[in-house]
Amino acid sequence: MKNESIDQLNWETLLNRAVDGILTDDEASELKRILKSDEERVDEYIRFVDMHGSLYHEPLLARAGEVGKLVNMDSMGSRKGEIGNIGFWRTMAAVATIAAIGAFTWSSKNAFFSDESPRYEESAYIGLVTSLKGDASISEHFVGKGLERGPFKLDSGRAQVRLDNGVELSIKGPAEFDIFGLDHITLMTGRVTANVPPRAIGFRIDTPDMEVIDLGTEFALRVDPAGESRLHVLEGEVEARKKMGVGLENVPMIIAKDSMHDLVESPSYLDCNYDPETFAPSPLKDRLIQATDGKLRSLQDSPKDLRHGRFKHDYLMIFPEKQDFVLPREVEVNLSEPGSYRVLGPAAKEMYLKEATEKQRARETMVDVSMVQSVVPAGTRVTSYLVHFDATHRQNDTYRAKGRVRFSGRVLGVILHQESLSASDDLLGGVDTIYESKAGRRMENDFIRISSDQRQIVMNFEIHGFIDQARIIVAENLEETLVADILDR
């Protein structure tokens, strides 16, 4: 089977489904046949597994808060602040390829890496504040704040927290709880609604008088000032019990959403009828971001101040700016077409030309700072996202971070450079966000890949004394995107 026997879009879809563990038997057989018959596809397969394996594995190697351990996606040598694990993942990729060619009967979710959540040390971040509503001036929290084990207190307003195992917590103040780890918190007082993904089943919340263990669900808890708890199951089921119940109330009970009203003896702590005013609202989900990976983290709200040195973090942060917005004028974008791009300053370009292999140059396009690849026309309905990287490092140190984001809508364009970013801040930027206005946002030696279906972007950013930013414009009209996809096939 030759290279042209499968188009690039279907090939990348096949690879994505393989690493996500959702290949059908027919798809697995097709991948096996392609790898047996096409050496170029084998090489692409190895690079793909290399990239995705290192993206997933990087949180295990670099603790949040330790920027000096970020991993370089390239093979251009080790720099300060990096771990050279690329050879390891190339070896793993090659082994996986041999296994695929020999007998493609493995389960993808276990073939390259484990689904287990990383276990950080006591001093490391285990989550982020992704949203904050209300009077932020009286709160010690801010959007993007890293969370450690220990107490969390919200005096008023609402907050949303995402733990590193995917658990989303919606909190309504006043509230106070302790974070013991990724799988265990204690709610002393206040209101919390937890959305727990399958990989975090077993997540537990204790209150003064009861305990609740998730069995794959969304549930709401509230604890009044006297320490009395109430529970409602919004989806799925939980195991709950009173710590000091009367009769059978202290015996663990499985409570499912669909059977709450059918319980013969409803426990005193259960609210069968849900009143959103007395509980915290369900955690919000971004409408367009389907998934993030590697060292990329998504926020629900935009940070308030994005000037150089004002919002430092070891993660690449992505957050919405203007949402569901009709462009009043056309917008020039630096990148819009599928492909791999190397964004280089003069010094980095000279080094790249010396060190990059012929294959690397062949599969990457060097991007000039003045490049304009396309224009998003006026009248287009879009949502704008900003990717921000300003690592917590000493001046003049160099650090890298890489990650990927997948959208449900088509990526219409990416704006990269200082001049283009500043020119689009007023149009596409957040209304309450302060942006860098000086020459403090620039791309030095950075990599961006836009997938063939224009829904996924891989980024590998390098920081050297300035901030890296990229503005991503995503089509908001999902029906039009779907029609365009059908016409493209």
Protein backbone atom coordinates (compact mmCIF):
# COMPACT_ATOMS: atom_id res chain seq x y z
CA MET A 1 0.00 0.00 0.00
CA LYS A 2 1.53 3.30 -1.12
CA ASN A 3 1.55 6.66 0.61
CA GLU A 4 -1.25 7.98 -1.60
CA SER A 5 -3.57 5.11 -0.62
CA ILE A 6 -4.73 7.05 2.44
CA ASP A 7 -5.06 10.83 2.50
CA GLN A 8 -3.36 12.88 5.20
CA LEU A 9 -6.56 13.76 7.08
CA ASN A 10 -7.65 10.12 7.43
CA TRP A 11 -4.07 9.10 8.29
CA GLU A 12 -3.86 11.62 11.15
CA THR A 13 -7.33 10.61 12.32
CA LEU A 14 -6.16 6.99 12.43
CA LEU A 15 -3.06 7.94 14.45
CA ASN A 16 -5.08 10.07 16.89
CA ARG A 17 -7.54 7.24 17.45
CA ALA A 18 -4.63 4.84 18.04
CA VAL A 19 -2.99 6.89 20.80
CA ASP A 20 -6.39 7.70 22.34
CA GLY A 21 -7.18 3.97 22.60
CA ILE A 22 -10.36 3.96 20.50
CA LEU A 23 -9.32 2.05 17.36
CA THR A 24 -11.84 -0.43 16.01
CA ASP A 25 -10.60 -3.87 14.90
CA ASP A 26 -10.89 -2.81 11.25
CA GLU A 27 -8.92 0.39 11.89
CA ALA A 28 -6.23 -1.54 13.75
CA SER A 29 -5.92 -3.92 10.82
CA GLU A 30 -5.69 -1.00 8.39
CA LEU A 31 -2.93 0.61 10.45
CA LYS A 32 -1.05 -2.68 10.56
CA ARG A 33 -1.26 -3.06 6.77
CA ILE A 34 -0.05 0.51 6.18
CA LEU A 35 2.91 0.10 8.52
CA LYS A 36 3.89 -3.15 6.81
CA SER A 37 3.82 -1.71 3.31
CA ASP A 38 4.95 1.91 3.55
CA GLU A 39 8.30 2.93 5.05
CA GLU A 40 7.45 6.65 4.98
CA ARG A 41 4.34 6.02 7.07
CA VAL A 42 6.41 4.01 9.55
CA ASP A 43 8.70 7.01 9.99
CA GLU A 44 5.70 9.31 10.47
CA TYR A 45 4.20 6.84 12.93
CA ILE A 46 7.39 6.81 15.04
CA ARG A 47 7.51 10.63 15.16
CA PHE A 48 3.82 10.77 16.05
CA VAL A 49 4.14 8.32 18.95
CA ASP A 50 7.32 10.09 20.04
CA MET A 51 5.51 13.42 20.18
CA HIS A 52 2.35 12.20 21.87
CA GLY A 53 4.18 9.96 24.31
CA SER A 54 6.43 12.79 25.49
CA LEU A 55 3.51 15.23 25.63
CA TYR A 56 1.57 12.89 27.91
CA HIS A 57 4.58 11.83 29.97
CA GLU A 58 5.97 15.31 30.57
CA PRO A 59 3.88 16.08 33.70
CA LEU A 60 5.46 13.01 35.30
CA LEU A 61 8.92 14.47 34.66
CA ALA A 62 8.37 18.15 35.39
CA ARG A 63 6.58 19.14 38.56
CA ALA A 64 4.42 22.22 38.32
CA GLY A 65 6.41 25.01 39.91
CA GLU A 66 9.76 23.56 38.73
CA VAL A 67 10.17 25.26 35.39
CA GLY A 68 13.76 24.10 35.16
CA LYS A 69 12.64 20.60 34.19
CA LEU A 70 10.63 21.24 31.06
CA VAL A 71 11.22 18.87 28.17
CA ASN A 72 12.43 19.86 24.70
CA MET A 73 10.47 18.26 21.87
CA ASP A 74 13.35 18.68 19.43
CA SER A 75 16.50 16.63 19.10
CA MET A 76 18.70 19.73 18.75
CA GLY A 77 20.60 19.06 21.98
CA SER A 78 19.96 19.64 25.65
CA ARG A 79 19.65 23.17 26.96
CA LYS A 80 19.43 24.53 30.45
CA GLY A 81 16.08 23.68 32.00
CA GLU A 82 15.38 20.53 29.94
CA ILE A 83 15.36 16.77 30.36
CA GLY A 84 16.58 14.73 27.39
CA ASN A 85 13.94 12.02 27.34
CA ILE A 86 13.45 12.15 23.58
CA GLY A 87 15.69 9.15 22.91
CA PHE A 88 13.66 7.10 25.37
CA TRP A 89 10.41 7.90 23.61
CA ARG A 90 11.94 7.28 20.16
CA THR A 91 12.92 3.84 21.43
CA MET A 92 9.41 3.29 22.76
CA ALA A 93 7.97 4.44 19.44
CA ALA A 94 10.18 2.04 17.50
CA VAL A 95 9.21 -0.84 19.81
CA ALA A 96 5.55 0.07 19.36
CA THR A 97 6.00 0.10 15.60
CA ILE A 98 7.58 -3.36 15.59
CA ALA A 99 4.75 -4.62 17.79
CA ALA A 100 2.19 -3.08 15.44
CA ILE A 101 3.77 -4.69 12.38
CA GLY A 102 4.07 -8.07 14.09
CA ALA A 103 0.73 -8.42 15.81
CA PHE A 104 -1.61 -5.45 16.19
CA THR A 105 -3.78 -6.92 18.92
CA TRP A 106 -2.86 -4.59 21.78
CA SER A 107 -5.17 -2.20 23.57
CA SER A 108 -4.05 1.32 22.66
CA LYS A 109 -4.79 2.84 26.01
CA ASN A 110 -2.09 0.64 27.55
CA ALA A 111 0.36 0.46 24.64
CA PHE A 112 2.24 3.72 25.07
CA PHE A 113 1.47 5.07 28.51
CA SER A 114 -0.67 4.56 31.58
CA ASP A 115 -3.86 6.51 32.31
CA GLU A 116 -2.83 6.90 35.93
CA SER A 117 -2.69 10.46 37.23
CA PRO A 118 0.71 11.85 38.22
CA ARG A 119 1.47 11.87 41.95
CA TYR A 120 3.34 15.01 42.87
CA GLU A 121 5.27 15.79 46.01
CA GLU A 122 3.69 17.76 48.83
CA SER A 123 5.05 21.11 47.64
CA ALA A 124 3.89 20.75 44.01
CA TYR A 125 0.77 22.11 42.36
CA ILE A 126 -1.99 19.57 41.87
CA GLY A 127 -4.54 21.83 40.19
CA LEU A 128 -5.48 25.30 38.98
CA VAL A 129 -8.08 27.96 39.65
CA THR A 130 -9.67 28.22 36.20
CA SER A 131 -12.47 30.72 36.92
CA LEU A 132 -13.28 33.35 39.52
CA LYS A 133 -16.52 35.32 39.70
CA GLY A 134 -17.43 38.05 42.15
CA ASP A 135 -15.27 40.60 43.97
CA ALA A 136 -11.76 39.34 43.24
CA SER A 137 -10.20 42.20 45.21
CA ILE A 138 -11.14 40.56 48.51
CA SER A 139 -9.94 37.10 47.46
CA GLU A 140 -6.44 35.69 47.74
CA HIS A 141 -7.13 33.63 44.63
CA PHE A 142 -6.73 34.56 40.96
CA VAL A 143 -7.38 32.89 37.62
CA GLY A 144 -4.45 30.58 36.87
CA LYS A 145 -3.35 30.20 40.50
CA GLY A 146 -1.70 26.86 41.15
CA LEU A 147 -3.22 24.79 43.95
CA GLU A 148 -1.21 22.82 46.46
CA ARG A 149 -2.28 20.37 49.12
CA GLY A 150 -3.71 22.24 52.09
CA PRO A 151 -6.54 24.65 52.94
CA PHE A 152 -8.64 26.49 50.37
CA LYS A 153 -10.95 29.29 51.46
CA LEU A 154 -13.36 31.33 49.34
CA ASP A 155 -15.00 34.17 51.25
CA SER A 156 -17.55 35.08 48.57
CA GLY A 157 -18.42 34.73 44.91
CA ARG A 158 -17.81 31.61 42.82
CA ALA A 159 -14.69 29.77 41.74
CA GLN A 160 -13.94 26.81 39.53
CA VAL A 161 -10.97 24.52 40.16
CA ARG A 162 -9.55 21.77 37.97
CA LEU A 163 -7.39 19.11 39.63
CA ASP A 164 -4.70 17.38 37.59
CA ASN A 165 -6.71 14.14 37.45
CA GLY A 166 -9.48 15.95 35.56
CA VAL A 167 -11.85 16.53 38.51
CA GLU A 168 -13.70 19.84 38.10
CA LEU A 169 -14.92 21.56 41.27
CA SER A 170 -17.45 24.38 41.23
CA ILE A 171 -17.34 26.29 44.53
CA LYS A 172 -19.82 28.81 45.89
CA GLY A 173 -18.59 31.02 48.73
CA PRO A 174 -18.35 31.29 51.59
CA ALA A 175 -16.65 27.90 51.51
CA GLU A 176 -13.70 26.23 53.19
CA PHE A 177 -12.07 22.89 52.46
CA ASP A 178 -8.78 21.02 52.67
CA ILE A 179 -7.09 19.40 49.66
CA PHE A 180 -5.41 16.17 50.78
CA GLY A 181 -4.55 15.02 47.27
CA LEU A 182 -5.89 14.49 43.79
CA ASP A 183 -8.43 11.96 45.05
CA HIS A 184 -9.47 13.36 48.44
CA ILE A 185 -10.74 16.66 49.88
CA THR A 186 -12.58 17.58 53.08
CA LEU A 187 -15.36 20.18 52.90
CA MET A 188 -15.75 21.94 56.25
CA THR A 189 -18.39 24.43 55.19
CA GLY A 190 -19.89 25.78 51.97
CA ARG A 191 -21.11 24.41 48.65
CA VAL A 192 -19.21 22.31 46.11
CA THR A 193 -20.30 20.49 42.97
CA ALA A 194 -17.85 17.92 41.61
CA ASN A 195 -17.68 16.60 38.05
CA VAL A 196 -15.52 13.47 38.05
CA PRO A 197 -14.20 11.88 34.83
CA PRO A 198 -13.87 8.07 34.52
CA ARG A 199 -10.11 8.11 35.16
CA ALA A 200 -10.69 9.73 38.58
CA ILE A 201 -13.40 7.32 39.83
CA GLY A 202 -12.96 6.91 43.58
CA PHE A 203 -12.60 10.64 44.22
CA ARG A 204 -13.74 11.27 47.79
CA ILE A 205 -15.18 14.23 49.68
CA ASP A 206 -15.45 14.10 53.47
CA THR A 207 -17.61 16.50 55.47
CA PRO A 208 -17.91 16.81 59.26
CA ASP A 209 -20.72 14.24 59.35
CA MET A 210 -20.48 12.13 56.18
CA GLU A 211 -18.29 10.85 53.35
CA VAL A 212 -19.05 10.58 49.63
CA ILE A 213 -17.05 8.43 47.19
CA ASP A 214 -17.55 8.99 43.48
CA LEU A 215 -18.41 6.05 41.24
CA GLY A 216 -18.31 8.02 37.98
CA THR A 217 -20.63 10.97 38.32
CA GLU A 218 -21.42 14.57 39.08
CA PHE A 219 -22.68 15.34 42.54
CA ALA A 220 -23.38 18.38 44.71
CA LEU A 221 -22.65 18.81 48.42
CA ARG A 222 -23.38 21.58 50.86
CA VAL A 223 -22.37 21.90 54.48
CA ASP A 224 -24.05 24.46 56.74
CA PRO A 225 -22.19 26.34 59.52
CA ALA A 226 -23.33 23.73 62.04
CA GLY A 227 -21.58 20.99 60.05
CA GLU A 228 -24.70 19.30 58.69
CA SER A 229 -24.38 18.00 55.12
CA ARG A 230 -26.78 17.56 52.22
CA LEU A 231 -26.14 15.61 49.00
CA HIS A 232 -27.67 15.51 45.53
CA VAL A 233 -26.54 13.29 42.64
CA LEU A 234 -26.77 15.08 39.29
CA GLU A 235 -25.40 12.24 37.15
CA GLY A 236 -24.22 8.66 37.65
CA GLU A 237 -23.90 7.32 41.18
CA VAL A 238 -21.98 7.71 44.43
CA GLU A 239 -21.34 5.73 47.58
CA ALA A 240 -22.32 7.74 50.65
CA ARG A 241 -22.66 7.19 54.38
CA LYS A 242 -23.13 9.11 57.59
CA LYS A 243 -20.11 8.99 59.84
CA MET A 244 -22.31 8.92 62.94
CA GLY A 245 -25.69 7.92 61.61
CA VAL A 246 -28.70 6.45 63.34
CA GLY A 247 -29.62 2.88 62.48
CA LEU A 248 -28.48 2.05 58.94
CA GLU A 249 -27.47 5.60 58.00
CA ASN A 250 -23.83 4.93 58.79
CA VAL A 251 -23.80 1.94 56.40
CA PRO A 252 -22.39 2.79 52.92
CA MET A 253 -25.22 3.26 50.42
CA ILE A 254 -25.04 3.39 46.61
CA ILE A 255 -27.10 6.37 45.45
CA ALA A 256 -27.79 6.80 41.74
CA LYS A 257 -29.41 9.74 40.00
CA ASP A 258 -32.08 7.55 38.40
CA SER A 259 -33.07 5.83 41.64
CA MET A 260 -33.00 8.63 44.22
CA HIS A 261 -36.78 8.85 44.29
CA ASP A 262 -37.15 5.06 44.54
CA LEU A 263 -35.27 4.65 47.81
CA VAL A 264 -37.53 2.98 50.39
CA GLU A 265 -35.87 4.82 53.25
CA SER A 266 -34.35 8.02 51.94
CA PRO A 267 -31.35 8.98 54.09
CA SER A 268 -31.57 12.26 55.95
CA TYR A 269 -28.58 13.73 54.11
CA LEU A 270 -30.09 13.29 50.62
CA ASP A 271 -31.86 16.06 48.69
CA CYS A 272 -33.86 14.30 45.97
CA ASN A 273 -35.03 17.58 44.43
CA TYR A 274 -32.21 19.74 43.15
CA ASP A 275 -32.31 23.48 43.83
CA PRO A 276 -29.35 25.14 42.08
CA GLU A 277 -29.56 28.14 44.41
CA THR A 278 -28.82 26.05 47.49
CA PHE A 279 -25.94 24.17 45.85
CA ALA A 280 -23.02 25.31 43.70
CA PRO A 281 -23.74 25.33 39.93
CA SER A 282 -22.36 22.57 37.74
CA PRO A 283 -18.78 23.18 36.57
CA LEU A 284 -18.64 24.94 33.21
CA LYS A 285 -17.02 23.34 30.17
CA ASP A 286 -15.40 25.20 27.31
CA ARG A 287 -17.68 24.82 24.30
CA LEU A 288 -14.90 24.56 21.71
CA ILE A 289 -11.90 23.00 23.48
CA GLN A 290 -12.24 19.23 23.35
CA ALA A 291 -8.93 18.29 24.97
CA THR A 292 -5.51 19.56 26.01
CA ASP A 293 -2.32 17.58 26.53
CA GLY A 294 1.28 17.96 27.62
CA LYS A 295 2.16 21.18 29.47
CA LEU A 296 -0.88 23.06 28.16
CA ARG A 297 -3.66 24.00 30.59
CA SER A 298 -6.98 25.65 29.72
CA LEU A 299 -8.70 28.33 31.82
CA GLN A 300 -12.37 29.30 31.81
CA ASP A 301 -11.62 33.01 32.27
CA SER A 302 -8.91 35.35 30.99
CA PRO A 303 -6.29 36.52 33.50
CA LYS A 304 -6.46 40.23 34.33
CA ASP A 305 -2.89 41.29 33.51
CA LEU A 306 -0.76 39.69 30.78
CA ARG A 307 2.13 42.13 30.75
CA HIS A 308 5.63 40.69 30.96
CA GLY A 309 6.26 39.35 34.47
CA ARG A 310 2.63 39.75 35.65
CA PHE A 311 1.28 36.26 34.92
CA LYS A 312 4.06 33.73 35.30
CA HIS A 313 3.56 29.98 35.23
CA ASP A 314 5.45 26.93 34.07
CA TYR A 315 2.47 25.81 31.97
CA LEU A 316 1.39 27.06 28.58
CA MET A 317 -1.95 28.70 29.40
CA ILE A 318 -4.84 28.88 26.92
CA PHE A 319 -7.99 30.87 27.64
CA PRO A 320 -10.90 32.44 25.72
CA GLU A 321 -10.94 36.13 24.83
CA LYS A 322 -13.79 37.35 22.59
CA GLN A 323 -16.40 34.58 22.39
CA ASP A 324 -19.07 33.99 19.73
CA PHE A 325 -18.03 37.24 18.10
CA VAL A 326 -18.77 38.50 14.56
CA LEU A 327 -15.71 40.14 13.04
CA PRO A 328 -16.53 43.73 12.00
CA ARG A 329 -13.47 43.78 9.73
CA GLU A 330 -11.08 41.30 8.18
CA VAL A 331 -8.15 40.03 10.24
CA GLU A 332 -4.75 39.09 8.87
CA VAL A 333 -3.30 35.87 10.33
CA ASN A 334 0.27 34.63 10.21
CA LEU A 335 -0.66 30.96 9.88
CA SER A 336 -3.80 29.26 8.62
CA GLU A 337 -2.81 26.26 6.50
CA PRO A 338 -2.08 22.75 7.85
CA GLY A 339 1.60 22.07 8.36
CA SER A 340 4.59 22.27 10.69
CA TYR A 341 6.12 25.69 11.21
CA ARG A 342 9.38 26.79 12.82
CA VAL A 343 9.17 30.40 14.04
CA LEU A 344 12.72 31.76 14.21
CA GLY A 345 14.47 34.97 15.10
CA PRO A 346 17.74 35.84 13.31
CA ALA A 347 20.07 34.12 15.83
CA ALA A 348 17.83 31.06 16.19
CA LYS A 349 17.51 30.80 12.41
CA GLU A 350 21.29 30.63 12.03
CA MET A 351 21.52 27.85 14.63
CA TYR A 352 18.61 25.96 13.06
CA LEU A 353 20.18 26.00 9.60
CA LYS A 354 23.38 24.58 11.07
CA GLU A 355 21.87 21.87 13.25
CA ALA A 356 18.58 20.78 11.66
CA THR A 357 18.65 17.63 9.56
CA GLU A 358 17.45 17.54 5.97
CA LYS A 359 14.36 15.57 7.02
CA GLN A 360 13.54 18.11 9.71
CA ARG A 361 13.85 20.98 7.25
CA ALA A 362 11.73 19.10 4.73
CA ARG A 363 8.82 18.67 7.12
CA GLU A 364 8.99 22.15 8.68
CA THR A 365 8.42 25.58 7.16
CA MET A 366 10.53 28.44 8.49
CA VAL A 367 8.26 31.38 9.25
CA ASP A 368 9.36 34.97 8.71
CA VAL A 369 8.07 37.57 11.18
CA SER A 370 6.26 39.48 8.42
CA MET A 371 4.53 36.42 6.97
CA VAL A 372 0.77 36.72 6.39
CA GLN A 373 -0.68 33.44 5.17
CA SER A 374 -4.37 34.32 5.04
CA VAL A 375 -7.16 36.71 6.00
CA VAL A 376 -10.23 35.88 8.07
CA PRO A 377 -13.01 37.87 6.37
CA ALA A 378 -15.34 40.34 8.02
CA GLY A 379 -18.66 38.86 9.11
CA THR A 380 -17.11 35.56 10.29
CA ARG A 381 -18.39 34.36 13.65
CA VAL A 382 -15.40 33.36 15.78
CA THR A 383 -14.02 32.79 19.25
CA SER A 384 -10.53 33.99 20.02
CA TYR A 385 -8.13 32.13 22.34
CA LEU A 386 -4.76 33.29 23.60
CA VAL A 387 -1.89 30.95 24.45
CA HIS A 388 0.44 32.60 26.98
CA PHE A 389 3.84 31.44 28.25
CA ASP A 390 5.81 33.52 30.76
CA ALA A 391 7.74 31.00 32.84
CA THR A 392 8.77 31.54 36.45
CA HIS A 393 12.47 31.85 35.72
CA ARG A 394 15.42 34.15 36.28
CA GLN A 395 16.17 36.77 33.65
CA ASN A 396 17.97 35.42 30.55
CA ASP A 397 17.39 31.73 31.39
CA THR A 398 15.90 29.58 28.64
CA TYR A 399 12.95 27.24 29.16
CA ARG A 400 10.65 25.23 26.95
CA ALA A 401 7.14 23.88 27.28
CA LYS A 402 5.06 21.97 24.79
CA GLY A 403 1.47 20.88 24.53
CA ARG A 404 -1.47 20.45 22.20
CA VAL A 405 -5.08 21.56 22.04
CA ARG A 406 -7.94 20.08 20.03
CA PHE A 407 -11.00 22.16 19.12
CA SER A 408 -14.46 21.11 17.98
CA GLY A 409 -14.40 24.00 15.48
CA ARG A 410 -12.03 24.71 12.62
CA VAL A 411 -8.93 26.81 13.34
CA LEU A 412 -9.18 29.73 10.92
CA GLY A 413 -5.86 31.32 11.79
CA VAL A 414 -3.03 31.83 14.26
CA ILE A 415 -1.54 35.24 15.06
CA LEU A 416 2.03 35.03 16.33
CA HIS A 417 4.07 38.20 16.11
CA GLN A 418 4.32 41.29 18.31
CA GLU A 419 2.97 43.69 15.72
CA SER A 420 0.09 41.44 14.64
CA LEU A 421 -0.85 40.57 18.22
CA SER A 422 -0.89 44.21 19.32
CA ALA A 423 -2.93 45.20 16.27
CA SER A 424 -5.61 42.60 17.12
CA ASP A 425 -5.76 43.14 20.92
CA ASP A 426 -8.57 45.72 20.73
CA LEU A 427 -10.61 43.63 18.30
CA LEU A 428 -10.13 40.12 19.69
CA GLY A 429 -8.71 40.61 23.19
CA GLY A 430 -10.57 40.34 26.48
CA VAL A 431 -12.36 43.52 27.54
CA ASP A 432 -10.92 43.52 31.07
CA THR A 433 -7.47 42.14 30.22
CA ILE A 434 -4.30 44.27 30.16
CA TYR A 435 -1.94 43.24 27.34
CA GLU A 436 1.77 43.79 26.86
CA SER A 437 2.21 46.94 24.76
CA LYS A 438 6.01 46.99 24.46
CA ALA A 439 8.40 44.69 22.62
CA GLY A 440 7.98 42.01 25.25
CA ARG A 441 6.02 39.44 23.27
CA ARG A 442 7.99 37.78 20.53
CA MET A 443 8.72 34.34 19.09
CA GLU A 444 12.36 33.27 19.17
CA ASN A 445 12.71 29.53 18.51
CA ASP A 446 9.22 28.08 18.55
CA PHE A 447 7.36 25.27 16.80
CA ILE A 448 3.69 25.16 15.80
CA ARG A 449 1.85 22.43 13.92
CA ILE A 450 -1.67 22.78 12.52
CA SER A 451 -3.25 19.39 11.83
CA SER A 452 -4.70 18.43 8.47
CA ASP A 453 -8.27 18.74 9.74
CA GLN A 454 -7.42 22.20 11.18
CA ARG A 455 -8.79 21.28 14.59
CA GLN A 456 -5.60 20.48 16.47
CA ILE A 457 -2.54 22.60 17.23
CA VAL A 458 0.74 21.36 18.71
CA MET A 459 3.02 23.99 20.23
CA ASN A 460 6.60 23.89 21.51
CA PHE A 461 7.54 27.32 22.89
CA GLU A 462 10.89 28.59 24.12
CA ILE A 463 11.20 31.45 26.60
CA HIS A 464 14.30 33.62 26.76
CA GLY A 465 13.69 36.85 28.69
CA PHE A 466 10.37 37.65 27.01
CA ILE A 467 6.86 36.20 26.79
CA ASP A 468 5.53 33.92 24.05
CA GLN A 469 1.96 34.37 22.90
CA ALA A 470 -0.19 33.02 20.08
CA ARG A 471 -3.76 34.08 19.31
CA ILE A 472 -5.89 31.29 17.84
CA ILE A 473 -9.06 32.16 15.93
CA VAL A 474 -11.62 29.33 15.88
CA ALA A 475 -14.79 29.12 13.79
CA GLU A 476 -17.82 29.48 16.04
CA ASN A 477 -20.49 28.20 13.65
CA LEU A 478 -20.20 24.43 14.13
CA GLU A 479 -22.84 23.64 11.47
CA GLU A 480 -20.84 25.47 8.82
CA THR A 481 -17.70 23.65 9.98
CA LEU A 482 -19.44 20.30 9.63
CA VAL A 483 -20.64 21.12 6.11
CA ALA A 484 -17.13 22.21 5.16
CA ASP A 485 -15.75 18.93 6.46
CA ILE A 486 -18.20 16.92 4.34
CA LEU A 487 -17.31 18.96 1.23
CA ASP A 488 -13.60 18.42 1.89
CA ARG A 489 -13.92 14.62 1.87
